[in-house]
C-alpha atoms as a PDB file:
ATOM      1  CA  MET A   1      87.786 -10.886  29.576  1.00  0.00           C
ATOM      2  CA  ARG A   2      89.701 -13.463  31.400  1.00  0.00           C
ATOM      3  CA  SER A   3      88.264 -14.082  35.260  1.00  0.00           C
ATOM      4  CA  GLN A   4      90.372 -13.876  38.258  1.00  0.00           C
ATOM      5  CA  PRO A   5      91.206 -16.399  40.794  1.00  0.00           C
ATOM      6  CA  PRO A   6      89.043 -16.538  44.067  1.00  0.00           C
ATOM      7  CA  ILE A   7      91.526 -15.154  47.004  1.00  0.00           C
ATOM      8  CA  SER A   8      91.728 -16.771  49.661  1.00  0.00           C
ATOM      9  CA  THR A   9      90.890 -15.860  53.297  1.00  0.00           C
ATOM     10  CA  SER A  10      91.310 -18.366  55.534  1.00  0.00           C
ATOM     11  CA  THR A  11      94.502 -18.005  58.506  1.00  0.00           C
ATOM     12  CA  PRO A  12      97.946 -20.189  58.153  1.00  0.00           C
ATOM     13  CA  ARG A  13      98.332 -23.213  61.404  1.00  0.00           C
ATOM     14  CA  PRO A  14     100.912 -22.576  63.868  1.00  0.00           C
ATOM     15  CA  ALA A  15     104.066 -24.997  63.926  1.00  0.00           C
ATOM     16  CA  PRO A  16     103.602 -27.253  66.281  1.00  0.00           C
ATOM     17  CA  THR A  17     105.882 -27.186  69.643  1.00  0.00           C
ATOM     18  CA  ARG A  18     108.402 -29.619  70.414  1.00  0.00           C
ATOM     19  CA  ARG A  19     108.317 -30.408  74.373  1.00  0.00           C
ATOM     20  CA  PHE A  20     111.657 -32.187  76.088  1.00  0.00           C
ATOM     21  CA  ASP A  21     111.417 -35.578  76.938  1.00  0.00           C
ATOM     22  CA  THR A  22     112.119 -36.596  79.997  1.00  0.00           C
ATOM     23  CA  ALA A  23     110.908 -40.555  79.525  1.00  0.00           C
ATOM     24  CA  ALA A  24     113.990 -40.935  77.348  1.00  0.00           C
ATOM     25  CA  TRP A  25     116.154 -39.876  79.717  1.00  0.00           C
ATOM     26  CA  ARG A  26     115.575 -41.934  82.750  1.00  0.00           C
ATOM     27  CA  PRO A  27     117.779 -45.066  82.897  1.00  0.00           C
ATOM     28  CA  SER A  28     116.241 -48.171  83.026  1.00  0.00           C
ATOM     29  CA  PRO A  29     116.504 -50.982  85.693  1.00  0.00           C
ATOM     30  CA  ARG A  30     119.247 -52.361  84.035  1.00  0.00           C
ATOM     31  CA  THR A  31     121.680 -49.779  84.255  1.00  0.00           C
ATOM     32  CA  ARG A  32     120.727 -48.825  87.631  1.00  0.00           C
ATOM     33  CA  TRP A  33     122.054 -52.410  89.085  1.00  0.00           C
ATOM     34  CA  TRP A  34     125.122 -51.865  86.903  1.00  0.00           C
ATOM     35  CA  VAL A  35     125.707 -48.361  88.747  1.00  0.00           C
ATOM     36  CA  LEU A  36     124.829 -49.860  91.892  1.00  0.00           C
ATOM     37  CA  GLY A  37     127.273 -52.919  91.553  1.00  0.00           C
ATOM     38  CA  ALA A  38     129.702 -50.395  90.494  1.00  0.00           C
ATOM     39  CA  PHE A  39     129.405 -48.191  93.677  1.00  0.00           C
ATOM     40  CA  ALA A  40     129.480 -50.916  95.706  1.00  0.00           C
ATOM     41  CA  LEU A  41     132.940 -52.732  94.208  1.00  0.00           C
ATOM     42  CA  GLY A  42     134.548 -49.258  94.118  1.00  0.00           C
ATOM     43  CA  LEU A  43     133.693 -48.702  98.497  1.00  0.00           C
ATOM     44  CA  ILE A  44     134.797 -52.576  99.182  1.00  0.00           C
ATOM     45  CA  ALA A  45     138.657 -51.368  97.553  1.00  0.00           C
ATOM     46  CA  PHE A  46     138.759 -48.241  99.784  1.00  0.00           C
ATOM     47  CA  LEU A  47     137.986 -49.941 103.079  1.00  0.00           C
ATOM     48  CA  LEU A  48     140.697 -52.782 101.968  1.00  0.00           C
ATOM     49  CA  VAL A  49     143.152 -49.562 101.519  1.00  0.00           C
ATOM     50  CA  ILE A  50     142.741 -47.794 104.591  1.00  0.00           C
ATOM     51  CA  ARG A  51     143.127 -51.587 106.330  1.00  0.00           C
ATOM     52  CA  GLY A  52     146.113 -52.260 105.078  1.00  0.00           C
ATOM     53  CA  ARG A  53     147.726 -48.823 105.783  1.00  0.00           C
ATOM     54  CA  GLY A  54     146.539 -48.779 109.557  1.00  0.00           C
ATOM     55  CA  ASP A  55     146.801 -45.877 111.196  1.00  0.00           C
ATOM     56  CA  GLN A  56     149.859 -44.495 110.297  1.00  0.00           C
ATOM     57  CA  ASN A  57     149.421 -41.181 108.863  1.00  0.00           C
ATOM     58  CA  PHE A  58     146.250 -40.416 110.925  1.00  0.00           C
ATOM     59  CA  PHE A  59     145.815 -38.859 114.039  1.00  0.00           C
ATOM     60  CA  ARG A  60     145.083 -40.698 117.098  1.00  0.00           C
ATOM     61  CA  ALA A  61     142.722 -39.168 119.968  1.00  0.00           C
ATOM     62  CA  ASP A  62     144.409 -40.886 123.132  1.00  0.00           C
ATOM     63  CA  THR A  63     147.883 -38.908 121.849  1.00  0.00           C
ATOM     64  CA  VAL A  64     148.609 -35.553 122.934  1.00  0.00           C
ATOM     65  CA  PRO A  65     150.125 -33.565 119.994  1.00  0.00           C
ATOM     66  CA  PRO A  66     153.422 -31.407 120.985  1.00  0.00           C
ATOM     67  CA  THR A  67     152.653 -27.868 122.052  1.00  0.00           C
ATOM     68  CA  SER A  68     155.337 -24.911 122.218  1.00  0.00           C
ATOM     69  CA  ALA A  69     155.615 -26.180 126.315  1.00  0.00           C
ATOM     70  CA  ASP A  70     158.262 -28.239 125.531  1.00  0.00           C
ATOM     71  CA  ARG A  71     160.187 -26.494 123.733  1.00  0.00           C
ATOM     72  CA  ALA A  72     163.554 -24.957 126.173  1.00  0.00           C
ATOM     73  CA  TYR A  73     164.335 -21.414 124.907  1.00  0.00           C
ATOM     74  CA  ALA A  74     167.640 -19.915 126.967  1.00  0.00           C
ATOM     75  CA  PRO A  75     166.967 -16.949 128.815  1.00  0.00           C
ATOM     76  CA  LEU A  76     167.555 -13.480 127.672  1.00  0.00           C
ATOM     77  CA  PRO A  77     170.653 -11.378 129.570  1.00  0.00           C
ATOM     78  CA  ALA A  78     169.827  -9.327 132.291  1.00  0.00           C
ATOM     79  CA  PRO A  79     170.164  -5.478 131.240  1.00  0.00           C
ATOM     80  CA  LEU A  80     173.246  -3.792 132.990  1.00  0.00           C
ATOM     81  CA  PRO A  81     172.640  -0.969 135.120  1.00  0.00           C
ATOM     82  CA  ALA A  82     172.316   2.232 133.857  1.00  0.00           C
ATOM     83  CA  GLY A  83     175.442   4.351 132.976  1.00  0.00           C
ATOM     84  CA  GLU A  84     177.591   1.011 132.011  1.00  0.00           C
ATOM     85  CA  GLY A  85     176.628   1.615 128.678  1.00  0.00           C
ATOM     86  CA  SER A  86     174.120   0.697 126.474  1.00  0.00           C
ATOM     87  CA  GLY A  87     173.679  -2.847 127.242  1.00  0.00           C
ATOM     88  CA  LEU A  88     175.102  -4.367 123.986  1.00  0.00           C
ATOM     89  CA  GLN A  89     178.093  -6.168 123.982  1.00  0.00           C
ATOM     90  CA  ARG A  90     180.549  -6.626 120.952  1.00  0.00           C
ATOM     91  CA  VAL A  91     181.703  -9.922 120.111  1.00  0.00           C
ATOM     92  CA  GLU A  92     184.910  -9.940 117.725  1.00  0.00           C
ATOM     93  CA  ALA A  93     185.453 -13.188 115.609  1.00  0.00           C
ATOM     94  CA  PRO A  94     188.840 -14.111 116.063  1.00  0.00           C
ATOM     95  CA  VAL A  95     190.544 -12.932 113.185  1.00  0.00           C
ATOM     96  CA  GLU A  96     193.398 -15.025 112.268  1.00  0.00           C
ATOM     97  CA  ASP A  97     196.515 -13.580 111.174  1.00  0.00           C
ATOM     98  CA  ALA A  98     196.617 -13.678 107.321  1.00  0.00           C
ATOM     99  CA  PRO A  99     200.400 -14.869 105.897  1.00  0.00           C
ATOM    100  CA  SER A 100     202.278 -12.156 105.580  1.00  0.00           C
ATOM    101  CA  ALA A 101     203.619 -11.790 101.803  1.00  0.00           C
ATOM    102  CA  VAL A 102     206.360 -12.729 100.595  1.00  0.00           C
ATOM    103  CA  VAL A 103     207.658 -10.453  98.757  1.00  0.00           C
ATOM    104  CA  GLU A 104     210.611 -11.377  96.102  1.00  0.00           C
ATOM    105  CA  GLU A 105     213.165  -9.003  95.767  1.00  0.00           C
ATOM    106  CA  GLU A 106     214.489  -8.690  92.372  1.00  0.00           C
ATOM    107  CA  PRO A 107     218.170  -9.186  91.930  1.00  0.00           C
ATOM    108  CA  GLU A 108     220.353  -6.075  91.828  1.00  0.00           C
ATOM    109  CA  VAL A 109     221.554  -6.248  88.329  1.00  0.00           C
ATOM    110  CA  ALA A 110     224.760  -4.632  88.380  1.00  0.00           C
ATOM    111  CA  PRO A 111     225.274  -1.766  86.031  1.00  0.00           C
ATOM    112  CA  PRO A 112     227.568  -2.685  82.657  1.00  0.00           C
ATOM    113  CA  PRO A 113     230.663  -1.699  83.118  1.00  0.00           C
ATOM    114  CA  PRO A 114     232.175   1.650  81.776  1.00  0.00           C
ATOM    115  CA  PRO A 115     232.970   1.802  77.684  1.00  0.00           C
ATOM    116  CA  PRO A 116     236.862   1.585  77.722  1.00  0.00           C
ATOM    117  CA  PRO A 117     238.486   5.027  76.953  1.00  0.00           C
ATOM    118  CA  PRO A 118     239.266   5.364  72.834  1.00  0.00           C
ATOM    119  CA  ALA A 119     242.977   4.243  72.331  1.00  0.00           C
ATOM    120  CA  PRO A 120     245.260   7.024  71.594  1.00  0.00           C
ATOM    121  CA  MET A 121     245.162   7.659  68.070  1.00  0.00           C
ATOM    122  CA  GLU A 122     248.519   7.754  66.713  1.00  0.00           C
ATOM    123  CA  ARG A 123     250.022  11.283  65.288  1.00  0.00           C
ATOM    124  CA  PRO A 124     251.442  10.918  61.945  1.00  0.00           C
ATOM    125  CA  ARG A 125     255.087  12.026  62.262  1.00  0.00           C
ATOM    126  CA  PRO A 126     255.826  14.655  60.457  1.00  0.00           C
ATOM    127  CA  VAL A 127     257.887  15.058  57.595  1.00  0.00           C
ATOM    128  CA  GLU A 128     261.140  16.878  57.761  1.00  0.00           C
ATOM    129  CA  THR A 129     260.876  19.246  55.678  1.00  0.00           C
ATOM    130  CA  VAL A 130     263.821  21.655  56.639  1.00  0.00           C
ATOM    131  CA  THR A 131     266.420  21.032  54.566  1.00  0.00           C
ATOM    132  CA  ARG A 132     269.438  20.532  57.223  1.00  0.00           C
ATOM    133  CA  GLN A 133     273.391  21.063  55.883  1.00  0.00           C
ATOM    134  CA  ALA A 134     276.057  18.407  56.568  1.00  0.00           C
ATOM    135  CA  ARG A 135     278.274  18.478  59.315  1.00  0.00           C
ATOM    136  CA  PRO A 136     281.143  17.009  60.847  1.00  0.00           C
ATOM    137  CA  LEU A 137     280.707  13.754  62.880  1.00  0.00           C
ATOM    138  CA  PRO A 138     282.632  14.004  66.558  1.00  0.00           C
ATOM    139  CA  GLY A 139     285.923  12.215  67.147  1.00  0.00           C
ATOM    140  CA  GLN A 140     285.495  11.254  63.030  1.00  0.00           C
ATOM    141  CA  THR A 141     287.813  14.536  62.244  1.00  0.00           C
ATOM    142  CA  PRO A 142     291.900  13.900  62.264  1.00  0.00           C
ATOM    143  CA  ALA A 143     293.961  16.890  62.530  1.00  0.00           C
ATOM    144  CA  PRO A 144     295.571  17.553  59.254  1.00  0.00           C
ATOM    145  CA  ASP A 145     299.907  16.739  58.715  1.00  0.00           C
ATOM    146  CA  TYR A 146     301.916  19.825  59.709  1.00  0.00           C
ATOM    147  CA  PRO A 147     304.144  20.250  56.136  1.00  0.00           C
ATOM    148  CA  ARG A 148     307.678  20.114  57.430  1.00  0.00           C
ATOM    149  CA  ARG A 149     309.428  22.617  54.175  1.00  0.00           C
ATOM    150  CA  ALA A 150     306.197  25.659  55.597  1.00  0.00           C
ATOM    151  CA  LEU A 151     307.058  24.503  59.486  1.00  0.00           C
ATOM    152  CA  MET A 152     310.949  24.977  58.783  1.00  0.00           C
ATOM    153  CA  ARG A 153     310.153  28.304  57.046  1.00  0.00           C
ATOM    154  CA  GLY A 154     307.177  29.786  59.435  1.00  0.00           C
ATOM    155  CA  GLU A 155     304.121  29.532  57.024  1.00  0.00           C
ATOM    156  CA  GLY A 156     301.231  29.521  58.728  1.00  0.00           C
ATOM    157  CA  GLY A 157     297.266  30.498  58.117  1.00  0.00           C
ATOM    158  CA  THR A 158     293.935  29.159  57.044  1.00  0.00           C
ATOM    159  CA  ALA A 159     292.583  27.739  54.585  1.00  0.00           C
ATOM    160  CA  LEU A 160     288.577  27.391  54.179  1.00  0.00           C
ATOM    161  CA  VAL A 161     288.067  23.669  52.241  1.00  0.00           C
ATOM    162  CA  ILE A 162     284.600  23.040  50.657  1.00  0.00           C
ATOM    163  CA  ALA A 163     283.588  19.686  51.066  1.00  0.00           C
ATOM    164  CA  TYR A 164     281.296  17.910  49.236  1.00  0.00           C
ATOM    165  CA  ILE A 165     279.567  15.288  50.947  1.00  0.00           C
ATOM    166  CA  GLY A 166     277.341  12.314  49.542  1.00  0.00           C
ATOM    167  CA  PRO A 167     274.494  10.677  51.029  1.00  0.00           C
ATOM    168  CA  ASP A 168     276.322   8.099  52.874  1.00  0.00           C
ATOM    169  CA  GLY A 169     277.733  11.063  54.782  1.00  0.00           C
ATOM    170  CA  VAL A 170     281.767  10.261  52.549  1.00  0.00           C
ATOM    171  CA  PRO A 171     283.451  13.435  51.240  1.00  0.00           C
ATOM    172  CA  THR A 172     283.142  13.048  47.912  1.00  0.00           C
ATOM    173  CA  SER A 173     285.422  15.975  46.585  1.00  0.00           C
ATOM    174  CA  THR A 174     287.108  19.032  48.556  1.00  0.00           C
ATOM    175  CA  ASP A 175     287.608  22.417  46.413  1.00  0.00           C
ATOM    176  CA  LEU A 176     289.758  25.735  48.632  1.00  0.00           C
ATOM    177  CA  ALA A 177     287.280  28.283  49.499  1.00  0.00           C
ATOM    178  CA  GLN A 178     290.332  30.167  50.604  1.00  0.00           C
ATOM    179  CA  SER A 179     294.460  29.700  50.846  1.00  0.00           C
ATOM    180  CA  SER A 180     296.279  30.024  54.046  1.00  0.00           C
ATOM    181  CA  GLY A 181     298.992  31.596  51.097  1.00  0.00           C
ATOM    182  CA  SER A 182     301.021  28.511  51.185  1.00  0.00           C
ATOM    183  CA  ARG A 183     300.645  26.118  48.362  1.00  0.00           C
ATOM    184  CA  GLU A 184     301.811  23.594  51.156  1.00  0.00           C
ATOM    185  CA  LEU A 185     299.454  24.208  53.716  1.00  0.00           C
ATOM    186  CA  ASP A 186     296.473  24.179  50.929  1.00  0.00           C
ATOM    187  CA  ARG A 187     297.183  20.510  50.080  1.00  0.00           C
ATOM    188  CA  ALA A 188     297.475  19.351  53.635  1.00  0.00           C
ATOM    189  CA  ALA A 189     294.488  20.888  54.334  1.00  0.00           C
ATOM    190  CA  GLN A 190     292.541  19.446  52.122  1.00  0.00           C
ATOM    191  CA  SER A 191     293.917  16.050  52.238  1.00  0.00           C
ATOM    192  CA  ALA A 192     292.977  16.228  55.574  1.00  0.00           C
ATOM    193  CA  VAL A 193     289.228  17.121  54.961  1.00  0.00           C
ATOM    194  CA  ARG A 194     289.062  13.946  52.523  1.00  0.00           C
ATOM    195  CA  ARG A 195     289.404  11.515  55.733  1.00  0.00           C
ATOM    196  CA  TRP A 196     286.533  13.449  57.636  1.00  0.00           C
ATOM    197  CA  ARG A 197     283.476  11.729  57.692  1.00  0.00           C
ATOM    198  CA  PHE A 198     280.218  13.714  58.151  1.00  0.00           C
ATOM    199  CA  GLU A 199     276.572  13.421  58.721  1.00  0.00           C
ATOM    200  CA  PRO A 200     274.899  14.115  55.259  1.00  0.00           C
ATOM    201  CA  ALA A 201     272.624  16.741  54.374  1.00  0.00           C
ATOM    202  CA  MET A 202     268.737  16.427  54.636  1.00  0.00           C
ATOM    203  CA  GLU A 203     266.074  17.013  52.358  1.00  0.00           C
ATOM    204  CA  ASN A 204     262.526  15.870  53.019  1.00  0.00           C
ATOM    205  CA  GLY A 205     263.844  13.743  55.553  1.00  0.00           C
ATOM    206  CA  ARG A 206     266.035  11.795  53.211  1.00  0.00           C
ATOM    207  CA  PRO A 207     269.811  12.080  52.843  1.00  0.00           C
ATOM    208  CA  THR A 208     270.994  13.976  50.347  1.00  0.00           C
ATOM    209  CA  VAL A 209     274.106  15.554  49.258  1.00  0.00           C
ATOM    210  CA  GLY A 210     275.452  18.328  50.497  1.00  0.00           C
ATOM    211  CA  ARG A 211     278.350  21.030  50.855  1.00  0.00           C
ATOM    212  CA  VAL A 212     280.118  22.586  53.955  1.00  0.00           C
ATOM    213  CA  VAL A 213     282.833  24.604  54.432  1.00  0.00           C
ATOM    214  CA  VAL A 214     285.690  23.823  57.062  1.00  0.00           C
ATOM    215  CA  PRO A 215     288.037  25.952  58.522  1.00  0.00           C
ATOM    216  CA  ILE A 216     291.629  24.540  58.803  1.00  0.00           C
ATOM    217  CA  ASP A 217     294.115  26.705  61.275  1.00  0.00           C
ATOM    218  CA  PHE A 218     298.412  26.418  60.827  1.00  0.00           C
ATOM    219  CA  ARG A 219     299.880  27.664  63.182  1.00  0.00           C
ATOM    220  CA  PRO A 220     304.224  27.553  63.405  1.00  0.00           C
ATOM    221  CA  ALA A 221     305.431  26.641  66.748  1.00  0.00           C
ATOM    222  CA  PRO A 222     307.535  29.990  68.166  1.00  0.00           C
END
């Protein structure tokens, strides 16, 4: 069997404590002289600045500071007697007359003239559709010549002559519709009608050929 090492029974030593060394923080004599010299220079500079400015910004003891007694105030108005209102007076600032607004009147616009009335429409002329017979023109119907033989024998009567009228109103031919009873009188009647002038017959507004019966009366003298 192996032998075990011996067990030590000694206690451990405590670690040494570190103390604050004040001697290390004390200034040296040389440093003290530097500090005193800097302080002296600063004091001298301060005194020079004060001397240069003088006493402009400092209070003097021989002067009297202004007090409120030097100020003059306007006295308050005396109150009005009782019964004369509340004592307040209303002062209104003068009101300047405002310039009157210029109203521009709009120019009157004349109403447009009424439209002209429509032109009357021409009515179409009606087309003559009525058939009109031919007829003798007044003043252009000479009387027939009375035959001498018929007059000596005392012959008389009424002959109806048919006249055929052209578009120009001139008879183109004649015919006997009724005899007067005498050949000489019938011939004289037709000869007279051929010399007449007529108003032509009309058909649809245009002149055309027509026919008219003309009575010729022969009366012998008593």
